[in-house]
Amino acid sequence: MMAYGPSFADLARRAGIYAAKILKGAKPADLPVEQPTKFELIINLKTAKALGLTVPQSLLARADEVIE
């Protein structure tokens, strides 16, 4: 019904930047471990309705994506 996790598009972009650093000669052992910085909230209203749940309007307003 709801998912909250890292943005896969942002992760792919950051992986590309990381790979570019390695291709430019940086040693992988010297690069820091990077944490996700952008997270997304996705709400599936169809599933919520099937379960008989009501999602508050304030939560819907914060969602990055709402599936109807």
N, C-alpha and C. Protein backbone atom coordinates (compact mmCIF):
# COMPACT_ATOMS: atom_id res chain seq x y z
N MET A 1 0.81 -1.17 0.00
CA MET A 1 0.00 0.00 0.00
C MET A 1 0.87 1.26 0.00
N MET A 2 1.94 1.26 0.80
CA MET A 2 2.85 2.41 0.83
C MET A 2 4.29 1.92 0.77
N ALA A 3 5.13 2.73 0.16
CA ALA A 3 6.55 2.42 0.10
C ALA A 3 7.33 3.69 0.36
N TYR A 4 8.34 3.58 1.21
CA TYR A 4 9.22 4.71 1.49
C TYR A 4 10.64 4.19 1.38
N GLY A 5 11.39 4.74 0.44
CA GLY A 5 12.74 4.27 0.24
C GLY A 5 13.53 5.21 -0.65
N PRO A 6 14.78 4.84 -0.92
CA PRO A 6 15.62 5.72 -1.73
C PRO A 6 15.11 5.82 -3.16
N SER A 7 15.35 6.96 -3.77
CA SER A 7 14.99 7.19 -5.16
C SER A 7 15.96 6.41 -6.05
N PHE A 8 15.46 5.49 -6.83
CA PHE A 8 16.33 4.68 -7.69
C PHE A 8 16.95 5.51 -8.80
N ALA A 9 16.26 6.52 -9.28
CA ALA A 9 16.82 7.40 -10.30
C ALA A 9 18.01 8.17 -9.73
N ASP A 10 17.88 8.64 -8.50
CA ASP A 10 18.99 9.35 -7.85
C ASP A 10 20.15 8.41 -7.58
N LEU A 11 19.86 7.18 -7.17
CA LEU A 11 20.93 6.20 -6.93
C LEU A 11 21.70 5.90 -8.21
N ALA A 12 20.99 5.78 -9.33
CA ALA A 12 21.66 5.50 -10.60
C ALA A 12 22.54 6.67 -11.02
N ARG A 13 22.06 7.89 -10.83
CA ARG A 13 22.84 9.08 -11.16
C ARG A 13 24.10 9.13 -10.31
N ARG A 14 23.96 8.87 -9.03
CA ARG A 14 25.12 8.91 -8.12
C ARG A 14 26.10 7.78 -8.43
N ALA A 15 25.61 6.63 -8.86
CA ALA A 15 26.50 5.53 -9.24
C ALA A 15 27.32 5.91 -10.47
N GLY A 16 26.69 6.64 -11.39
CA GLY A 16 27.41 7.11 -12.57
C GLY A 16 28.53 8.08 -12.20
N ILE A 17 28.25 8.97 -11.27
CA ILE A 17 29.26 9.92 -10.80
C ILE A 17 30.41 9.16 -10.13
N TYR A 18 30.07 8.17 -9.34
CA TYR A 18 31.05 7.35 -8.65
C TYR A 18 31.93 6.61 -9.66
N ALA A 19 31.30 6.04 -10.69
CA ALA A 19 32.05 5.32 -11.74
C ALA A 19 32.96 6.28 -12.51
N ALA A 20 32.50 7.49 -12.74
CA ALA A 20 33.32 8.49 -13.45
C ALA A 20 34.57 8.82 -12.66
N LYS A 21 34.45 8.91 -11.34
CA LYS A 21 35.61 9.17 -10.49
C LYS A 21 36.64 8.05 -10.63
N ILE A 22 36.16 6.81 -10.67
CA ILE A 22 37.06 5.65 -10.80
C ILE A 22 37.72 5.66 -12.18
N LEU A 23 36.94 5.95 -13.22
CA LEU A 23 37.50 5.99 -14.57
C LEU A 23 38.52 7.12 -14.75
N LYS A 24 38.39 8.16 -13.95
CA LYS A 24 39.35 9.27 -14.02
C LYS A 24 40.62 8.99 -13.21
N GLY A 25 40.67 7.81 -12.56
CA GLY A 25 41.89 7.42 -11.87
C GLY A 25 41.81 7.33 -10.36
N ALA A 26 40.70 7.64 -9.77
CA ALA A 26 40.59 7.52 -8.32
C ALA A 26 40.59 6.06 -7.92
N LYS A 27 41.24 5.77 -6.81
CA LYS A 27 41.26 4.39 -6.31
C LYS A 27 39.94 4.12 -5.57
N PRO A 28 39.26 3.04 -5.91
CA PRO A 28 37.98 2.74 -5.24
C PRO A 28 38.11 2.66 -3.72
N ALA A 29 39.25 2.17 -3.22
CA ALA A 29 39.44 2.05 -1.77
C ALA A 29 39.51 3.42 -1.10
N ASP A 30 39.86 4.45 -1.86
CA ASP A 30 39.99 5.79 -1.28
C ASP A 30 38.68 6.57 -1.32
N LEU A 31 37.70 6.08 -2.06
CA LEU A 31 36.41 6.79 -2.17
C LEU A 31 35.53 6.44 -0.97
N PRO A 32 34.80 7.42 -0.46
CA PRO A 32 33.93 7.14 0.68
C PRO A 32 32.69 6.34 0.26
N VAL A 33 32.14 5.62 1.21
CA VAL A 33 30.87 4.92 0.98
C VAL A 33 29.78 5.98 1.00
N GLU A 34 28.95 5.99 -0.01
CA GLU A 34 27.91 7.02 -0.10
C GLU A 34 26.56 6.46 0.34
N GLN A 35 25.81 7.29 1.03
CA GLN A 35 24.48 6.94 1.50
C GLN A 35 23.45 7.60 0.59
N PRO A 36 22.26 7.01 0.45
CA PRO A 36 21.21 7.68 -0.32
C PRO A 36 20.87 9.03 0.32
N THR A 37 20.57 10.00 -0.52
CA THR A 37 20.23 11.33 0.00
C THR A 37 18.80 11.74 -0.33
N LYS A 38 18.20 11.09 -1.30
CA LYS A 38 16.83 11.43 -1.69
C LYS A 38 15.94 10.20 -1.49
N PHE A 39 14.84 10.40 -0.78
CA PHE A 39 13.90 9.32 -0.51
C PHE A 39 12.54 9.68 -1.09
N GLU A 40 11.76 8.66 -1.44
CA GLU A 40 10.45 8.87 -2.04
C GLU A 40 9.38 8.13 -1.24
N LEU A 41 8.21 8.73 -1.18
CA LEU A 41 7.04 8.11 -0.57
C LEU A 41 6.03 7.86 -1.68
N ILE A 42 5.64 6.60 -1.83
CA ILE A 42 4.67 6.22 -2.87
C ILE A 42 3.48 5.57 -2.17
N ILE A 43 2.28 6.01 -2.52
CA ILE A 43 1.06 5.49 -1.90
C ILE A 43 0.15 4.92 -2.98
N ASN A 44 -0.34 3.71 -2.76
CA ASN A 44 -1.26 3.06 -3.68
C ASN A 44 -2.66 3.13 -3.08
N LEU A 45 -3.48 4.06 -3.60
CA LEU A 45 -4.83 4.24 -3.08
C LEU A 45 -5.76 3.08 -3.41
N LYS A 46 -5.52 2.42 -4.53
CA LYS A 46 -6.36 1.29 -4.92
C LYS A 46 -6.24 0.16 -3.90
N THR A 47 -5.02 -0.10 -3.45
CA THR A 47 -4.80 -1.14 -2.45
C THR A 47 -5.39 -0.71 -1.11
N ALA A 48 -5.22 0.55 -0.76
CA ALA A 48 -5.78 1.05 0.50
C ALA A 48 -7.29 0.89 0.51
N LYS A 49 -7.92 1.21 -0.61
CA LYS A 49 -9.38 1.08 -0.71
C LYS A 49 -9.80 -0.38 -0.60
N ALA A 50 -9.04 -1.28 -1.24
CA ALA A 50 -9.36 -2.71 -1.17
C ALA A 50 -9.24 -3.24 0.25
N LEU A 51 -8.34 -2.65 1.04
CA LEU A 51 -8.17 -3.07 2.44
C LEU A 51 -9.13 -2.34 3.38
N GLY A 52 -9.90 -1.40 2.83
CA GLY A 52 -10.84 -0.64 3.65
C GLY A 52 -10.18 0.44 4.49
N LEU A 53 -9.06 0.94 4.03
CA LEU A 53 -8.32 1.97 4.77
C LEU A 53 -8.48 3.33 4.11
N THR A 54 -8.45 4.38 4.91
CA THR A 54 -8.48 5.74 4.39
C THR A 54 -7.12 6.38 4.67
N VAL A 55 -6.55 6.95 3.64
CA VAL A 55 -5.26 7.61 3.78
C VAL A 55 -5.52 9.09 4.04
N PRO A 56 -4.97 9.63 5.13
CA PRO A 56 -5.20 11.06 5.43
C PRO A 56 -4.69 11.97 4.32
N GLN A 57 -5.41 13.06 4.12
CA GLN A 57 -5.06 14.02 3.07
C GLN A 57 -3.66 14.60 3.29
N SER A 58 -3.28 14.78 4.55
CA SER A 58 -1.95 15.34 4.85
C SER A 58 -0.84 14.40 4.38
N LEU A 59 -1.08 13.10 4.46
CA LEU A 59 -0.09 12.11 3.98
C LEU A 59 -0.05 12.08 2.46
N LEU A 60 -1.21 12.19 1.83
CA LEU A 60 -1.27 12.23 0.37
C LEU A 60 -0.54 13.46 -0.18
N ALA A 61 -0.62 14.57 0.54
CA ALA A 61 0.04 15.80 0.10
C ALA A 61 1.56 15.67 0.15
N ARG A 62 2.06 14.84 1.04
CA ARG A 62 3.52 14.65 1.17
C ARG A 62 4.08 13.61 0.22
N ALA A 63 3.22 12.79 -0.38
CA ALA A 63 3.66 11.70 -1.24
C ALA A 63 4.29 12.22 -2.53
N ASP A 64 5.36 11.53 -2.97
CA ASP A 64 5.98 11.87 -4.24
C ASP A 64 5.17 11.32 -5.40
N GLU A 65 4.49 10.19 -5.15
CA GLU A 65 3.67 9.58 -6.20
C GLU A 65 2.45 8.94 -5.54
N VAL A 66 1.28 9.13 -6.15
CA VAL A 66 0.05 8.51 -5.66
C VAL A 66 -0.51 7.68 -6.81
N ILE A 67 -0.67 6.38 -6.56
CA ILE A 67 -1.22 5.47 -7.56
C ILE A 67 -2.70 5.31 -7.27
N GLU A 68 -3.55 5.65 -8.26
CA GLU A 68 -4.99 5.60 -8.03
C GLU A 68 -5.63 4.40 -8.64
